[in-house]
Amino acid sequence: MTTLFISDLHLCPSRPHITRIFHEFLAGPAQQADSLYILGDLFEYWAGDDDLDDPFNAINCAALRALSDSGVPVFFMAGNRDFLAGEGFAHAAGLSLLPEPAVVDIHGEPTLLMHGDTLCIDDDAYQAFRAEVRSPDWQQAFLALPLTRRKSQIELLRRESEAQKLIKTAQIMDVNPDA
């Protein structure tokens, strides 16, 4: 009995080798698994389910769907970069969405699953940002914007995040054991 867990692949067109390895994994070892749990940040970012026609997104959803269609249940928990993935993505990829956190039964053992960014409690600015972008009102307003504008805003936020990483200490960005 094999249950597989993956996270933080950050799939994007600019890193085709990671996507290739992911597809090889789905077509190979994952075919023998009892289930696959994707625990967030599968994509570098997800701008909304109305971007499923993008060739990059479509090919990745098709690869996940092929695994699911082969009989391997696939579960997805959003991370801090793909939290806008919703029912459209789930349907296209043939997977089930999980809330965060989630307690699931893994071979008879209750198992807590998390993406983990909620445990980085020392980064007050990030936690405030996370609370804002995870709110239903913010998501509804953001998803009402044109897709091209959303992508531009996400890319700007990614650049700002990278700049913040240069300023913040590793300790503040890491999991707090007391969380």
Protein backbone atom coordinates (compact mmCIF):
# COMPACT_ATOMS: atom_id res chain seq x y z
CA MET A 1 0.00 0.00 0.00
CA THR A 2 1.63 3.17 -1.22
CA THR A 3 0.33 6.66 -0.67
CA LEU A 4 2.28 9.40 -2.39
CA PHE A 5 2.62 13.01 -1.24
CA ILE A 6 4.06 15.83 -3.34
CA SER A 7 4.15 19.60 -2.96
CA ASP A 8 5.91 22.73 -4.07
CA LEU A 9 6.66 21.71 -7.65
CA HIS A 10 5.97 25.27 -8.83
CA LEU A 11 5.29 24.09 -12.37
CA CYS A 12 5.74 26.82 -14.96
CA PRO A 13 6.64 27.02 -18.65
CA SER A 14 10.09 28.47 -17.89
CA ARG A 15 11.14 25.23 -16.12
CA PRO A 16 10.15 22.52 -18.62
CA HIS A 17 12.46 19.94 -17.04
CA ILE A 18 10.39 19.95 -13.83
CA THR A 19 7.19 19.53 -15.82
CA ARG A 20 8.74 16.67 -17.80
CA ILE A 21 9.81 14.88 -14.60
CA PHE A 22 6.34 15.43 -13.12
CA HIS A 23 4.69 13.88 -16.17
CA GLU A 24 7.12 10.94 -16.05
CA PHE A 25 6.22 10.48 -12.38
CA LEU A 26 2.48 10.51 -13.16
CA ALA A 27 2.87 8.04 -16.03
CA GLY A 28 5.29 5.83 -14.07
CA PRO A 29 5.59 5.37 -10.29
CA ALA A 30 2.31 7.13 -9.49
CA GLN A 31 0.42 4.51 -11.52
CA GLN A 32 1.26 1.95 -8.81
CA ALA A 33 0.08 4.12 -5.90
CA ASP A 34 -3.07 3.72 -3.84
CA SER A 35 -3.49 7.50 -3.98
CA LEU A 36 -1.67 10.75 -4.68
CA TYR A 37 -1.94 13.81 -2.46
CA ILE A 38 -0.77 17.14 -3.88
CA LEU A 39 -0.23 19.46 -0.92
CA GLY A 40 -0.07 22.82 -2.62
CA ASP A 41 2.02 24.93 -4.93
CA LEU A 42 1.73 22.50 -7.79
CA PHE A 43 1.89 25.56 -10.04
CA GLU A 44 4.07 28.65 -9.81
CA TYR A 45 0.74 30.42 -9.73
CA TRP A 46 -2.87 29.77 -10.68
CA ALA A 47 -4.76 32.83 -11.92
CA GLY A 48 -8.19 31.19 -11.94
CA ASP A 49 -10.06 28.31 -13.47
CA ASP A 50 -10.87 30.40 -16.55
CA ASP A 51 -7.22 29.83 -17.55
CA LEU A 52 -7.71 26.11 -18.16
CA ASP A 53 -7.41 26.62 -21.92
CA ASP A 54 -3.83 27.82 -21.56
CA PRO A 55 -1.78 25.05 -23.24
CA PHE A 56 0.52 24.67 -20.23
CA ASN A 57 -2.38 24.32 -17.80
CA ALA A 58 -4.29 22.04 -20.16
CA ILE A 59 -1.40 19.60 -20.59
CA ASN A 60 -0.84 19.38 -16.83
CA CYS A 61 -4.53 18.85 -16.14
CA ALA A 62 -4.60 16.15 -18.83
CA ALA A 63 -1.63 14.37 -17.22
CA LEU A 64 -3.37 14.42 -13.83
CA ARG A 65 -6.64 13.30 -15.40
CA ALA A 66 -4.85 10.33 -17.02
CA LEU A 67 -3.62 9.20 -13.61
CA SER A 68 -7.07 9.61 -12.09
CA ASP A 69 -8.70 7.81 -15.02
CA SER A 70 -6.31 4.89 -14.46
CA GLY A 71 -7.92 4.37 -11.06
CA VAL A 72 -5.52 6.24 -8.77
CA PRO A 73 -7.42 8.76 -6.63
CA VAL A 74 -5.78 12.20 -6.73
CA PHE A 75 -6.33 14.81 -4.02
CA PHE A 76 -5.33 18.48 -4.13
CA MET A 77 -4.84 20.96 -1.32
CA ALA A 78 -4.14 24.53 -2.36
CA GLY A 79 -0.90 26.19 -1.40
CA ASN A 80 0.06 29.83 -1.20
CA ARG A 81 0.51 30.08 -4.98
CA ASP A 82 -2.39 28.08 -6.36
CA PHE A 83 -5.15 28.89 -3.87
CA LEU A 84 -7.40 30.11 -6.70
CA ALA A 85 -7.64 26.59 -8.11
CA GLY A 86 -11.26 25.57 -7.81
CA GLU A 87 -13.91 23.18 -9.05
CA GLY A 88 -13.10 23.83 -12.72
CA PHE A 89 -9.49 22.81 -12.16
CA ALA A 90 -10.59 19.80 -10.10
CA HIS A 91 -12.93 18.62 -12.84
CA ALA A 92 -10.35 19.12 -15.62
CA ALA A 93 -7.66 17.31 -13.64
CA GLY A 94 -9.94 14.56 -12.33
CA LEU A 95 -9.08 15.19 -8.71
CA SER A 96 -10.75 15.98 -5.41
CA LEU A 97 -10.15 19.25 -3.59
CA LEU A 98 -9.17 19.14 0.08
CA PRO A 99 -9.57 21.96 2.59
CA GLU A 100 -6.57 23.11 4.58
CA PRO A 101 -6.00 21.67 7.04
CA ALA A 102 -7.52 18.26 6.42
CA VAL A 103 -7.47 15.08 8.45
CA VAL A 104 -7.60 12.05 6.17
CA ASP A 105 -7.44 8.34 6.76
CA ILE A 106 -4.15 6.93 5.47
CA HIS A 107 -4.15 3.15 5.83
CA GLY A 108 -6.21 3.31 9.02
CA GLU A 109 -4.33 6.23 10.58
CA PRO A 110 -5.87 9.68 10.91
CA THR A 111 -3.33 11.96 9.25
CA LEU A 112 -3.18 15.75 9.38
CA LEU A 113 -2.37 17.31 6.01
CA MET A 114 -1.35 20.95 5.55
CA HIS A 115 0.45 23.01 2.98
CA GLY A 116 2.30 24.52 5.90
CA ASP A 117 2.37 28.26 5.31
CA THR A 118 -0.13 28.75 8.14
CA LEU A 119 2.64 27.59 10.49
CA CYS A 120 4.93 30.50 9.53
CA ILE A 121 3.35 32.62 12.25
CA ASP A 122 6.34 34.89 12.85
CA ASP A 123 5.87 36.55 9.45
CA ASP A 124 3.06 38.93 10.39
CA ALA A 125 3.04 40.67 7.00
CA TYR A 126 2.68 37.38 5.14
CA GLN A 127 -0.06 36.12 7.47
CA ALA A 128 -2.02 39.37 6.97
CA PHE A 129 -1.61 39.05 3.20
CA ARG A 130 -2.66 35.40 3.35
CA ALA A 131 -5.80 36.23 5.32
CA GLU A 132 -6.70 38.92 2.79
CA VAL A 133 -6.24 36.84 -0.37
CA ARG A 134 -7.94 33.78 1.11
CA SER A 135 -11.08 35.76 1.97
CA PRO A 136 -14.08 34.96 -0.26
CA ASP A 137 -14.75 38.68 -0.91
CA TRP A 138 -11.19 39.32 -2.11
CA GLN A 139 -11.21 36.22 -4.29
CA GLN A 140 -14.56 37.11 -5.84
CA ALA A 141 -13.35 40.64 -6.66
CA PHE A 142 -10.00 39.41 -7.99
CA LEU A 143 -11.53 36.68 -10.14
CA ALA A 144 -13.90 39.29 -11.64
CA LEU A 145 -10.88 41.06 -13.17
CA PRO A 146 -9.83 40.17 -16.72
CA LEU A 147 -7.44 37.21 -16.82
CA THR A 148 -4.59 39.24 -18.34
CA ARG A 149 -4.85 41.80 -15.54
CA ARG A 150 -4.87 39.05 -12.90
CA LYS A 151 -1.74 37.51 -14.38
CA SER A 152 0.02 40.88 -14.42
CA GLN A 153 -0.90 41.51 -10.79
CA ILE A 154 0.23 38.04 -9.76
CA GLU A 155 3.57 38.50 -11.51
CA LEU A 156 4.01 41.84 -9.72
CA LEU A 157 3.21 40.19 -6.37
CA ARG A 158 5.71 37.41 -7.13
CA ARG A 159 8.46 39.98 -7.79
CA GLU A 160 7.59 41.81 -4.57
CA SER A 161 7.66 38.51 -2.66
CA GLU A 162 11.11 37.68 -4.03
CA ALA A 163 12.35 41.12 -2.96
CA GLN A 164 10.94 40.58 0.54
CA LYS A 165 12.76 37.26 0.82
CA LEU A 166 16.04 39.15 0.48
CA ILE A 167 15.15 41.34 3.45
CA LYS A 168 13.49 38.88 5.83
CA THR A 169 15.43 36.40 7.92
CA ALA A 170 15.01 32.70 7.24
CA GLN A 171 13.74 32.28 10.80
CA ILE A 172 10.81 34.64 10.29
CA MET A 173 9.79 32.87 7.07
CA ASP A 174 10.09 29.35 8.48
CA VAL A 175 7.64 27.24 10.44
CA ASN A 176 7.37 28.19 14.08
CA PRO A 177 7.48 25.00 16.20
CA ASP A 178 4.97 26.58 18.59
CA ALA A 179 2.37 27.14 15.83
